């Protein structure tokens, strides 16, 4: 918290993603069928920039809306059984639904819109920090990594020996050195 005490509740989302349909084989299954509920957000421009790519943009829009709908509604076993010819496949096509998502639709992605989106997320981080009683913009959470990186840089550069390092880090340094020869 703001006084340096550990809190006993979750304090922030993990942010990652991919443009368009790139992530569907990487993490969409986790979002749809994983054991943890992963709230997600879709950011989508109603209009693309290239008129000759209008159809491709419409495909991306349809996919975005479909993902949102699938997360919300899911598919039960009866619907899955009706959708497949082999009943053994049906359990694999069950989606629990009731997975939270937010869809942010804007006209077109341009510098002003990107700035608004960044401001929206910065404001959200501020409000979340206020609610959680933490300073979302301090640097304490990254200090240890910076300190360790400063000490590791000479070793990465081959200017020292990693004998004082733990076995895991020493092994990683040795692997780097072997691959860089």
N, C-alpha and C. Protein backbone atom coordinates (compact mmCIF):
# COMPACT_ATOMS: atom_id res chain seq x y z
N UNK A 1 0.84 -1.18 0.00
CA UNK A 1 0.00 0.00 0.00
C UNK A 1 0.89 1.25 0.00
N UNK A 2 0.29 2.38 0.15
CA UNK A 2 1.06 3.63 0.11
C UNK A 2 2.01 3.79 1.29
N UNK A 3 1.85 2.95 2.31
CA UNK A 3 2.72 3.00 3.49
C UNK A 3 3.78 1.90 3.49
N UNK A 4 3.86 1.15 2.39
CA UNK A 4 4.86 0.09 2.30
C UNK A 4 4.43 -1.25 2.84
N UNK A 5 3.16 -1.40 3.19
CA UNK A 5 2.66 -2.66 3.71
C UNK A 5 2.15 -3.53 2.56
N UNK A 6 2.35 -4.85 2.68
CA UNK A 6 1.81 -5.77 1.69
C UNK A 6 0.29 -5.78 1.79
N UNK A 7 -0.39 -5.90 0.65
CA UNK A 7 -1.85 -6.00 0.65
C UNK A 7 -2.24 -7.45 0.39
N UNK A 8 -3.45 -7.82 0.80
CA UNK A 8 -3.89 -9.21 0.67
C UNK A 8 -4.98 -9.37 -0.38
N UNK A 9 -4.91 -8.57 -1.43
CA UNK A 9 -5.87 -8.66 -2.53
C UNK A 9 -5.13 -8.37 -3.83
N UNK A 10 -5.75 -8.78 -4.93
CA UNK A 10 -5.12 -8.56 -6.24
C UNK A 10 -5.10 -7.08 -6.56
N UNK A 11 -4.00 -6.65 -7.17
CA UNK A 11 -3.84 -5.22 -7.42
C UNK A 11 -3.38 -4.95 -8.84
N UNK A 12 -4.07 -5.43 -9.81
CA UNK A 12 -3.73 -5.00 -11.15
C UNK A 12 -3.81 -6.10 -12.17
N UNK A 13 -4.18 -5.71 -13.36
CA UNK A 13 -4.28 -6.70 -14.44
C UNK A 13 -2.93 -6.94 -15.09
N UNK A 14 -2.85 -8.04 -15.79
CA UNK A 14 -1.71 -8.31 -16.66
C UNK A 14 -2.16 -7.93 -18.06
N UNK A 15 -1.35 -7.15 -18.74
CA UNK A 15 -1.76 -6.66 -20.05
C UNK A 15 -0.89 -7.27 -21.12
N UNK A 16 -1.52 -7.95 -22.07
CA UNK A 16 -0.86 -8.53 -23.22
C UNK A 16 -1.89 -8.70 -24.31
N UNK A 17 -1.47 -8.91 -25.50
CA UNK A 17 -2.43 -9.09 -26.56
C UNK A 17 -1.78 -9.16 -27.92
N UNK A 18 -2.61 -9.18 -28.92
CA UNK A 18 -2.18 -9.26 -30.31
C UNK A 18 -3.19 -8.52 -31.16
N UNK A 19 -2.75 -7.99 -32.28
CA UNK A 19 -3.71 -7.34 -33.18
C UNK A 19 -4.56 -8.37 -33.92
N UNK A 20 -5.81 -8.02 -34.10
CA UNK A 20 -6.71 -8.84 -34.93
C UNK A 20 -6.82 -10.27 -34.46
N UNK A 21 -6.72 -11.17 -35.39
CA UNK A 21 -6.89 -12.59 -35.09
C UNK A 21 -5.57 -13.28 -34.78
N UNK A 22 -4.48 -12.53 -34.68
CA UNK A 22 -3.16 -13.14 -34.45
C UNK A 22 -3.11 -13.98 -33.18
N UNK A 23 -3.85 -13.60 -32.17
CA UNK A 23 -3.76 -14.29 -30.89
C UNK A 23 -4.67 -15.49 -30.73
N UNK A 24 -5.46 -15.79 -31.75
CA UNK A 24 -6.48 -16.81 -31.52
C UNK A 24 -5.90 -18.20 -31.26
N UNK A 25 -4.75 -18.52 -31.80
CA UNK A 25 -4.16 -19.83 -31.51
C UNK A 25 -3.15 -19.75 -30.38
N UNK A 26 -2.86 -18.54 -29.92
CA UNK A 26 -1.89 -18.37 -28.85
C UNK A 26 -2.55 -18.33 -27.47
N UNK A 27 -3.63 -17.56 -27.35
CA UNK A 27 -4.20 -17.43 -26.00
C UNK A 27 -5.72 -17.33 -25.97
N UNK A 28 -6.41 -17.31 -27.09
CA UNK A 28 -7.88 -17.23 -27.03
C UNK A 28 -8.49 -18.44 -26.34
N UNK A 29 -7.90 -19.62 -26.53
CA UNK A 29 -8.44 -20.81 -25.87
C UNK A 29 -8.36 -20.65 -24.36
N UNK A 30 -7.28 -20.08 -23.87
CA UNK A 30 -7.15 -19.80 -22.44
C UNK A 30 -8.27 -18.89 -21.97
N UNK A 31 -8.55 -17.84 -22.73
CA UNK A 31 -9.58 -16.89 -22.34
C UNK A 31 -10.96 -17.54 -22.37
N UNK A 32 -11.21 -18.36 -23.38
CA UNK A 32 -12.53 -18.98 -23.53
C UNK A 32 -12.75 -20.19 -22.62
N UNK A 33 -11.73 -21.05 -22.50
CA UNK A 33 -11.94 -22.33 -21.84
C UNK A 33 -10.99 -22.60 -20.67
N UNK A 34 -10.16 -21.65 -20.33
CA UNK A 34 -9.20 -21.85 -19.25
C UNK A 34 -9.86 -21.96 -17.89
N UNK A 35 -9.10 -22.45 -16.93
CA UNK A 35 -9.65 -22.63 -15.59
C UNK A 35 -9.78 -21.31 -14.83
N UNK A 36 -8.99 -20.32 -15.20
CA UNK A 36 -9.12 -18.99 -14.61
C UNK A 36 -9.96 -18.11 -15.52
N UNK A 37 -10.81 -17.29 -14.93
CA UNK A 37 -11.56 -16.31 -15.70
C UNK A 37 -10.61 -15.14 -15.96
N UNK A 38 -10.43 -14.81 -17.24
CA UNK A 38 -9.52 -13.75 -17.65
C UNK A 38 -10.34 -12.63 -18.29
N UNK A 39 -10.65 -11.58 -17.54
CA UNK A 39 -11.36 -10.46 -18.17
C UNK A 39 -10.51 -9.91 -19.31
N UNK A 40 -11.13 -9.58 -20.40
CA UNK A 40 -10.35 -9.09 -21.54
C UNK A 40 -11.04 -7.90 -22.18
N UNK A 41 -10.27 -7.21 -22.99
CA UNK A 41 -10.76 -6.02 -23.66
C UNK A 41 -10.43 -6.10 -25.14
N UNK A 42 -11.38 -5.69 -25.93
CA UNK A 42 -11.19 -5.61 -27.37
C UNK A 42 -11.22 -4.14 -27.75
N UNK A 43 -10.22 -3.70 -28.48
CA UNK A 43 -10.17 -2.34 -29.00
C UNK A 43 -10.27 -2.45 -30.50
N UNK A 44 -11.26 -1.78 -31.08
CA UNK A 44 -11.49 -1.97 -32.51
C UNK A 44 -11.92 -0.67 -33.18
N UNK A 45 -11.33 -0.42 -34.33
CA UNK A 45 -11.70 0.74 -35.14
C UNK A 45 -12.85 0.37 -36.06
N UNK A 46 -13.90 1.17 -36.06
CA UNK A 46 -15.03 0.91 -36.95
C UNK A 46 -14.62 1.03 -38.41
N UNK A 47 -13.67 1.91 -38.69
CA UNK A 47 -13.23 2.17 -40.06
C UNK A 47 -11.73 1.98 -40.16
N UNK A 48 -11.32 1.28 -41.20
CA UNK A 48 -9.89 1.10 -41.47
C UNK A 48 -9.36 2.27 -42.27
N UNK A 49 -8.08 2.21 -42.58
CA UNK A 49 -7.44 3.29 -43.33
C UNK A 49 -7.40 3.03 -44.83
N UNK A 50 -7.44 1.79 -45.24
CA UNK A 50 -7.25 1.44 -46.65
C UNK A 50 -8.56 0.97 -47.27
N UNK A 51 -9.14 1.77 -48.17
CA UNK A 51 -10.41 1.38 -48.79
C UNK A 51 -10.34 0.03 -49.51
N UNK A 52 -9.19 -0.28 -50.11
CA UNK A 52 -9.08 -1.55 -50.84
C UNK A 52 -9.03 -2.76 -49.90
N UNK A 53 -8.84 -2.52 -48.61
CA UNK A 53 -8.82 -3.60 -47.63
C UNK A 53 -10.09 -3.63 -46.78
N UNK A 54 -11.14 -3.02 -47.28
CA UNK A 54 -12.39 -2.93 -46.53
C UNK A 54 -12.91 -4.30 -46.12
N UNK A 55 -12.88 -5.26 -47.06
CA UNK A 55 -13.40 -6.59 -46.74
C UNK A 55 -12.59 -7.23 -45.60
N UNK A 56 -11.26 -7.11 -45.64
CA UNK A 56 -10.43 -7.68 -44.58
C UNK A 56 -10.75 -7.01 -43.24
N UNK A 57 -10.99 -5.70 -43.29
CA UNK A 57 -11.33 -5.00 -42.05
C UNK A 57 -12.68 -5.49 -41.51
N UNK A 58 -13.62 -5.72 -42.41
CA UNK A 58 -14.93 -6.23 -41.99
C UNK A 58 -14.79 -7.63 -41.38
N UNK A 59 -13.88 -8.44 -41.92
CA UNK A 59 -13.63 -9.76 -41.33
C UNK A 59 -13.10 -9.62 -39.90
N UNK A 60 -12.19 -8.68 -39.71
CA UNK A 60 -11.66 -8.45 -38.36
C UNK A 60 -12.74 -7.94 -37.41
N UNK A 61 -13.61 -7.04 -37.90
CA UNK A 61 -14.71 -6.55 -37.07
C UNK A 61 -15.64 -7.69 -36.67
N UNK A 62 -15.99 -8.53 -37.64
CA UNK A 62 -16.87 -9.67 -37.35
C UNK A 62 -16.23 -10.60 -36.33
N UNK A 63 -14.92 -10.84 -36.47
CA UNK A 63 -14.23 -11.71 -35.53
C UNK A 63 -14.19 -11.11 -34.14
N UNK A 64 -13.97 -9.82 -34.05
CA UNK A 64 -13.96 -9.14 -32.75
C UNK A 64 -15.31 -9.29 -32.05
N UNK A 65 -16.37 -9.00 -32.78
CA UNK A 65 -17.71 -9.11 -32.19
C UNK A 65 -18.04 -10.56 -31.84
N UNK A 66 -17.57 -11.50 -32.67
CA UNK A 66 -17.81 -12.91 -32.40
C UNK A 66 -17.11 -13.36 -31.12
N UNK A 67 -15.87 -12.91 -30.92
CA UNK A 67 -15.15 -13.28 -29.70
C UNK A 67 -15.88 -12.75 -28.47
N UNK A 68 -16.32 -11.51 -28.56
CA UNK A 68 -17.06 -10.90 -27.45
C UNK A 68 -18.34 -11.69 -27.15
N UNK A 69 -19.06 -12.03 -28.20
CA UNK A 69 -20.30 -12.79 -28.04
C UNK A 69 -20.03 -14.18 -27.47
N UNK A 70 -19.01 -14.84 -27.99
CA UNK A 70 -18.68 -16.19 -27.51
C UNK A 70 -18.28 -16.17 -26.04
N UNK A 71 -17.51 -15.17 -25.65
CA UNK A 71 -17.12 -15.07 -24.24
C UNK A 71 -18.34 -14.87 -23.36
N UNK A 72 -19.29 -14.08 -23.83
CA UNK A 72 -20.48 -13.79 -23.04
C UNK A 72 -21.41 -15.00 -22.98
N UNK A 73 -21.74 -15.57 -24.12
CA UNK A 73 -22.77 -16.61 -24.17
C UNK A 73 -22.24 -18.02 -24.01
N UNK A 74 -21.03 -18.28 -24.52
CA UNK A 74 -20.48 -19.62 -24.47
C UNK A 74 -21.27 -20.59 -25.34
N UNK A 75 -21.05 -21.87 -25.10
CA UNK A 75 -21.78 -22.93 -25.81
C UNK A 75 -21.88 -24.12 -24.87
N UNK A 76 -23.10 -24.57 -24.61
CA UNK A 76 -23.27 -25.71 -23.71
C UNK A 76 -23.10 -27.02 -24.47
N UNK A 77 -23.11 -28.13 -23.75
CA UNK A 77 -22.86 -29.43 -24.35
C UNK A 77 -23.91 -29.78 -25.40
N UNK A 78 -25.17 -29.47 -25.16
CA UNK A 78 -26.22 -29.78 -26.13
C UNK A 78 -25.98 -29.05 -27.45
N UNK A 79 -25.61 -27.78 -27.39
CA UNK A 79 -25.33 -27.03 -28.61
C UNK A 79 -24.08 -27.56 -29.29
N UNK A 80 -23.09 -27.96 -28.50
CA UNK A 80 -21.86 -28.52 -29.08
C UNK A 80 -22.16 -29.85 -29.77
N UNK A 81 -22.99 -30.68 -29.16
CA UNK A 81 -23.35 -31.96 -29.78
C UNK A 81 -24.10 -31.74 -31.08
N UNK A 82 -24.93 -30.72 -31.14
CA UNK A 82 -25.68 -30.42 -32.36
C UNK A 82 -24.77 -29.89 -33.47
N UNK A 83 -23.61 -29.38 -33.10
CA UNK A 83 -22.71 -28.75 -34.08
C UNK A 83 -21.68 -29.70 -34.66
N UNK A 84 -21.58 -30.92 -34.14
CA UNK A 84 -20.54 -31.84 -34.61
C UNK A 84 -21.15 -33.15 -35.09
N UNK A 85 -20.43 -33.81 -35.99
CA UNK A 85 -20.89 -35.11 -36.46
C UNK A 85 -20.38 -36.23 -35.56
N UNK A 86 -19.27 -36.02 -34.90
CA UNK A 86 -18.70 -37.01 -33.99
C UNK A 86 -18.95 -36.56 -32.55
N UNK A 87 -19.82 -37.25 -31.81
CA UNK A 87 -20.16 -36.83 -30.45
C UNK A 87 -18.95 -36.75 -29.51
N UNK A 88 -17.88 -37.48 -29.82
CA UNK A 88 -16.69 -37.44 -28.97
C UNK A 88 -16.03 -36.06 -29.00
N UNK A 89 -16.29 -35.30 -30.06
CA UNK A 89 -15.70 -33.96 -30.17
C UNK A 89 -16.47 -32.91 -29.38
N UNK A 90 -17.72 -33.19 -29.07
CA UNK A 90 -18.58 -32.19 -28.44
C UNK A 90 -18.00 -31.58 -27.16
N UNK A 91 -17.46 -32.39 -26.23
CA UNK A 91 -16.93 -31.77 -25.00
C UNK A 91 -15.82 -30.75 -25.26
N UNK A 92 -15.08 -30.93 -26.36
CA UNK A 92 -14.01 -29.99 -26.69
C UNK A 92 -14.56 -28.66 -27.19
N UNK A 93 -15.81 -28.67 -27.61
CA UNK A 93 -16.42 -27.47 -28.18
C UNK A 93 -17.36 -26.77 -27.20
N UNK A 94 -17.28 -27.16 -25.94
CA UNK A 94 -18.07 -26.51 -24.89
C UNK A 94 -17.29 -25.29 -24.38
N UNK A 95 -17.98 -24.18 -24.29
CA UNK A 95 -17.41 -22.94 -23.76
C UNK A 95 -18.31 -22.49 -22.62
N UNK A 96 -17.76 -22.23 -21.44
CA UNK A 96 -18.62 -21.90 -20.31
C UNK A 96 -19.38 -20.59 -20.45
N UNK A 97 -18.83 -19.65 -21.23
CA UNK A 97 -19.47 -18.34 -21.31
C UNK A 97 -19.36 -17.58 -20.00
N UNK A 98 -20.10 -16.50 -19.90
CA UNK A 98 -20.07 -15.65 -18.71
C UNK A 98 -18.65 -15.20 -18.39
N UNK A 99 -17.85 -14.98 -19.45
CA UNK A 99 -16.48 -14.48 -19.31
C UNK A 99 -16.52 -12.98 -19.59
N UNK A 100 -16.06 -12.17 -18.67
CA UNK A 100 -16.18 -10.72 -18.83
C UNK A 100 -15.27 -10.17 -19.93
N UNK A 101 -15.84 -9.28 -20.71
CA UNK A 101 -15.04 -8.56 -21.71
C UNK A 101 -15.64 -7.18 -21.91
N UNK A 102 -14.80 -6.29 -22.37
CA UNK A 102 -15.21 -4.93 -22.72
C UNK A 102 -14.77 -4.70 -24.14
N UNK A 103 -15.64 -4.10 -24.94
CA UNK A 103 -15.28 -3.77 -26.31
C UNK A 103 -15.31 -2.27 -26.47
N UNK A 104 -14.18 -1.71 -26.82
CA UNK A 104 -14.04 -0.28 -27.04
C UNK A 104 -14.00 -0.05 -28.55
N UNK A 105 -15.05 0.57 -29.08
CA UNK A 105 -15.15 0.85 -30.51
C UNK A 105 -14.92 2.33 -30.73
N UNK A 106 -14.03 2.65 -31.64
CA UNK A 106 -13.76 4.05 -32.00
C UNK A 106 -13.82 4.16 -33.52
N UNK A 107 -13.91 5.37 -34.01
CA UNK A 107 -14.10 5.60 -35.45
C UNK A 107 -12.93 5.05 -36.26
N UNK A 108 -11.75 5.58 -36.01
CA UNK A 108 -10.57 5.22 -36.80
C UNK A 108 -9.35 5.43 -35.91
N UNK A 109 -8.36 4.57 -36.05
CA UNK A 109 -7.15 4.75 -35.26
C UNK A 109 -6.28 5.82 -35.91
N UNK A 110 -6.12 6.91 -35.20
CA UNK A 110 -5.25 8.01 -35.64
C UNK A 110 -4.53 8.51 -34.39
N UNK A 111 -3.59 9.44 -34.53
CA UNK A 111 -2.85 9.89 -33.35
C UNK A 111 -3.73 10.42 -32.23
N UNK A 112 -4.77 11.16 -32.56
CA UNK A 112 -5.65 11.71 -31.52
C UNK A 112 -6.39 10.59 -30.78
N UNK A 113 -6.88 9.61 -31.53
CA UNK A 113 -7.59 8.49 -30.90
C UNK A 113 -6.64 7.67 -30.05
N UNK A 114 -5.44 7.41 -30.55
CA UNK A 114 -4.46 6.67 -29.76
C UNK A 114 -4.15 7.42 -28.46
N UNK A 115 -4.01 8.73 -28.54
CA UNK A 115 -3.78 9.53 -27.34
C UNK A 115 -4.92 9.41 -26.34
N UNK A 116 -6.15 9.41 -26.85
CA UNK A 116 -7.31 9.26 -25.96
C UNK A 116 -7.31 7.89 -25.28
N UNK A 117 -6.97 6.87 -26.05
CA UNK A 117 -6.94 5.51 -25.49
C UNK A 117 -5.87 5.41 -24.41
N UNK A 118 -4.69 5.96 -24.69
CA UNK A 118 -3.63 5.95 -23.68
C UNK A 118 -4.07 6.71 -22.43
N UNK A 119 -4.69 7.87 -22.61
CA UNK A 119 -5.18 8.66 -21.47
C UNK A 119 -6.23 7.88 -20.68
N UNK A 120 -7.11 7.18 -21.38
CA UNK A 120 -8.13 6.37 -20.72
C UNK A 120 -7.48 5.32 -19.82
N UNK A 121 -6.50 4.61 -20.36
CA UNK A 121 -5.85 3.56 -19.58
C UNK A 121 -5.01 4.14 -18.44
N UNK A 122 -4.35 5.26 -18.67
CA UNK A 122 -3.61 5.90 -17.58
C UNK A 122 -4.56 6.31 -16.46
N UNK A 123 -5.71 6.87 -16.83
CA UNK A 123 -6.69 7.28 -15.81
C UNK A 123 -7.21 6.06 -15.06
N UNK A 124 -7.45 4.99 -15.79
CA UNK A 124 -7.94 3.78 -15.14
C UNK A 124 -6.92 3.26 -14.12
N UNK A 125 -5.65 3.26 -14.50
CA UNK A 125 -4.60 2.82 -13.59
C UNK A 125 -4.58 3.71 -12.34
N UNK A 126 -4.73 5.01 -12.53
CA UNK A 126 -4.78 5.93 -11.39
C UNK A 126 -5.96 5.62 -10.47
N UNK A 127 -7.15 5.45 -11.05
CA UNK A 127 -8.35 5.18 -10.25
C UNK A 127 -8.21 3.84 -9.53
N UNK A 128 -7.71 2.81 -10.23
CA UNK A 128 -7.52 1.52 -9.58
C UNK A 128 -6.57 1.65 -8.39
N UNK A 129 -5.47 2.37 -8.59
CA UNK A 129 -4.52 2.57 -7.50
C UNK A 129 -5.14 3.29 -6.32
N UNK A 130 -5.99 4.26 -6.61
CA UNK A 130 -6.67 4.99 -5.53
C UNK A 130 -7.59 4.05 -4.76
N UNK A 131 -8.35 3.24 -5.48
CA UNK A 131 -9.26 2.29 -4.83
C UNK A 131 -8.48 1.27 -4.01
N UNK A 132 -7.37 0.78 -4.55
CA UNK A 132 -6.58 -0.25 -3.87
C UNK A 132 -5.65 0.31 -2.81
N UNK A 133 -5.54 1.64 -2.74
CA UNK A 133 -4.66 2.25 -1.76
C UNK A 133 -3.19 2.08 -2.08
N UNK A 134 -2.85 2.02 -3.36
CA UNK A 134 -1.46 1.87 -3.77
C UNK A 134 -1.08 3.01 -4.72
N UNK A 135 0.20 3.24 -4.88
CA UNK A 135 0.68 4.22 -5.85
C UNK A 135 1.03 3.46 -7.12
N UNK A 136 0.17 3.56 -8.11
CA UNK A 136 0.35 2.81 -9.34
C UNK A 136 1.52 3.30 -10.18
N UNK A 137 2.04 4.46 -9.86
CA UNK A 137 3.07 5.05 -10.71
C UNK A 137 4.44 5.13 -10.05
N UNK A 138 4.60 4.49 -8.89
CA UNK A 138 5.92 4.51 -8.28
C UNK A 138 6.84 3.53 -9.03
N UNK A 139 8.08 3.54 -8.68
CA UNK A 139 9.06 2.70 -9.36
C UNK A 139 9.61 1.57 -8.48
N UNK A 140 9.09 1.45 -7.27
CA UNK A 140 9.66 0.46 -6.35
C UNK A 140 9.57 -0.96 -6.89
N UNK A 141 8.55 -1.25 -7.63
CA UNK A 141 8.37 -2.60 -8.14
C UNK A 141 9.39 -3.02 -9.19
N UNK A 142 10.14 -2.06 -9.74
CA UNK A 142 11.13 -2.40 -10.76
C UNK A 142 12.57 -2.19 -10.28
N UNK A 143 12.72 -1.63 -9.08
CA UNK A 143 14.06 -1.30 -8.59
C UNK A 143 14.97 -2.52 -8.46
N UNK A 144 14.47 -3.61 -7.92
CA UNK A 144 15.32 -4.78 -7.73
C UNK A 144 15.85 -5.28 -9.07
N UNK A 145 14.98 -5.34 -10.08
CA UNK A 145 15.43 -5.77 -11.40
C UNK A 145 16.51 -4.86 -11.97
N UNK A 146 16.36 -3.56 -11.76
CA UNK A 146 17.37 -2.60 -12.25
C UNK A 146 18.70 -2.82 -11.53
N UNK A 147 18.64 -3.01 -10.21
CA UNK A 147 19.87 -3.23 -9.44
C UNK A 147 20.58 -4.49 -9.91
N UNK A 148 19.81 -5.57 -10.08
CA UNK A 148 20.41 -6.83 -10.51
C UNK A 148 20.95 -6.72 -11.93
N UNK A 149 20.25 -6.01 -12.81
CA UNK A 149 20.71 -5.84 -14.19
C UNK A 149 22.03 -5.09 -14.23
N UNK A 150 22.18 -4.08 -13.39
CA UNK A 150 23.43 -3.32 -13.33
C UNK A 150 24.59 -4.24 -12.94
N UNK A 151 24.36 -5.11 -11.98
CA UNK A 151 25.40 -6.04 -11.55
C UNK A 151 25.64 -7.14 -12.59
N UNK A 152 24.61 -7.51 -13.34
CA UNK A 152 24.74 -8.58 -14.33
C UNK A 152 25.38 -8.12 -15.64
N UNK A 153 25.27 -6.85 -15.96
CA UNK A 153 25.77 -6.37 -17.25
C UNK A 153 27.23 -6.75 -17.50
N UNK A 154 28.15 -6.53 -16.56
CA UNK A 154 29.53 -6.94 -16.83
C UNK A 154 29.66 -8.44 -17.10
N UNK A 155 28.85 -9.24 -16.43
CA UNK A 155 28.90 -10.69 -16.64
C UNK A 155 28.37 -11.05 -18.02
N UNK A 156 27.31 -10.38 -18.44
CA UNK A 156 26.76 -10.60 -19.78
C UNK A 156 27.79 -10.19 -20.84
N UNK A 157 28.53 -9.13 -20.54
CA UNK A 157 29.56 -8.64 -21.47
C UNK A 157 30.83 -9.49 -21.42
N UNK A 158 30.88 -10.49 -20.56
CA UNK A 158 32.04 -11.36 -20.46
C UNK A 158 33.19 -10.76 -19.69
N UNK A 159 32.93 -9.78 -18.86
CA UNK A 159 33.99 -9.07 -18.12
C UNK A 159 34.12 -9.54 -16.67
N UNK A 160 33.59 -10.68 -16.38
CA UNK A 160 33.69 -11.17 -15.01
C UNK A 160 33.24 -12.61 -14.95
N UNK A 161 33.32 -13.17 -13.74
CA UNK A 161 32.90 -14.55 -13.54
C UNK A 161 31.65 -14.56 -12.65
N UNK A 162 30.78 -15.49 -12.91
CA UNK A 162 29.50 -15.57 -12.21
C UNK A 162 29.55 -16.49 -11.00
N UNK A 163 30.72 -16.67 -10.43
CA UNK A 163 30.85 -17.64 -9.33
C UNK A 163 30.00 -17.29 -8.12
N UNK A 164 29.74 -16.02 -7.89
CA UNK A 164 28.94 -15.62 -6.72
C UNK A 164 27.43 -15.66 -6.99
N UNK A 165 27.06 -15.93 -8.22
CA UNK A 165 25.63 -15.96 -8.58
C UNK A 165 25.00 -17.29 -8.20
N UNK A 166 23.69 -17.29 -8.05
CA UNK A 166 22.95 -18.53 -7.78
C UNK A 166 23.09 -19.47 -8.98
N UNK A 167 22.82 -20.73 -8.77
CA UNK A 167 23.00 -21.74 -9.81
C UNK A 167 22.17 -21.49 -11.06
N UNK A 168 20.95 -21.02 -10.89
CA UNK A 168 20.09 -20.78 -12.05
C UNK A 168 20.64 -19.65 -12.91
N UNK A 169 20.95 -18.51 -12.28
CA UNK A 169 21.46 -17.37 -13.04
C UNK A 169 22.82 -17.70 -13.64
N UNK A 170 23.67 -18.40 -12.87
CA UNK A 170 24.98 -18.80 -13.38
C UNK A 170 24.81 -19.68 -14.62
N UNK A 171 23.87 -20.62 -14.57
CA UNK A 171 23.62 -21.49 -15.73
C UNK A 171 23.14 -20.71 -16.94
N UNK A 172 22.27 -19.72 -16.71
CA UNK A 172 21.80 -18.88 -17.82
C UNK A 172 22.95 -18.08 -18.43
N UNK A 173 23.81 -17.53 -17.58
CA UNK A 173 24.97 -16.78 -18.07
C UNK A 173 25.91 -17.68 -18.86
N UNK A 174 26.13 -18.89 -18.38
CA UNK A 174 27.00 -19.84 -19.09
C UNK A 174 26.41 -20.21 -20.44
N UNK A 175 25.10 -20.39 -20.49
CA UNK A 175 24.45 -20.70 -21.76
C UNK A 175 24.58 -19.54 -22.73
N UNK A 176 24.35 -18.32 -22.25
CA UNK A 176 24.53 -17.14 -23.11
C UNK A 176 25.95 -17.07 -23.64
N UNK A 177 26.93 -17.26 -22.76
CA UNK A 177 28.33 -17.18 -23.17
C UNK A 177 28.65 -18.24 -24.22
N UNK A 178 28.15 -19.46 -24.02
CA UNK A 178 28.42 -20.53 -24.98
C UNK A 178 27.79 -20.24 -26.34
N UNK A 179 26.60 -19.69 -26.34
CA UNK A 179 25.92 -19.41 -27.61
C UNK A 179 26.49 -18.19 -28.32
N UNK A 180 27.18 -17.33 -27.60
CA UNK A 180 27.70 -16.10 -28.20
C UNK A 180 29.14 -16.24 -28.67
N UNK A 181 29.74 -17.41 -28.48
CA UNK A 181 31.13 -17.61 -28.92
C UNK A 181 31.20 -17.69 -30.41
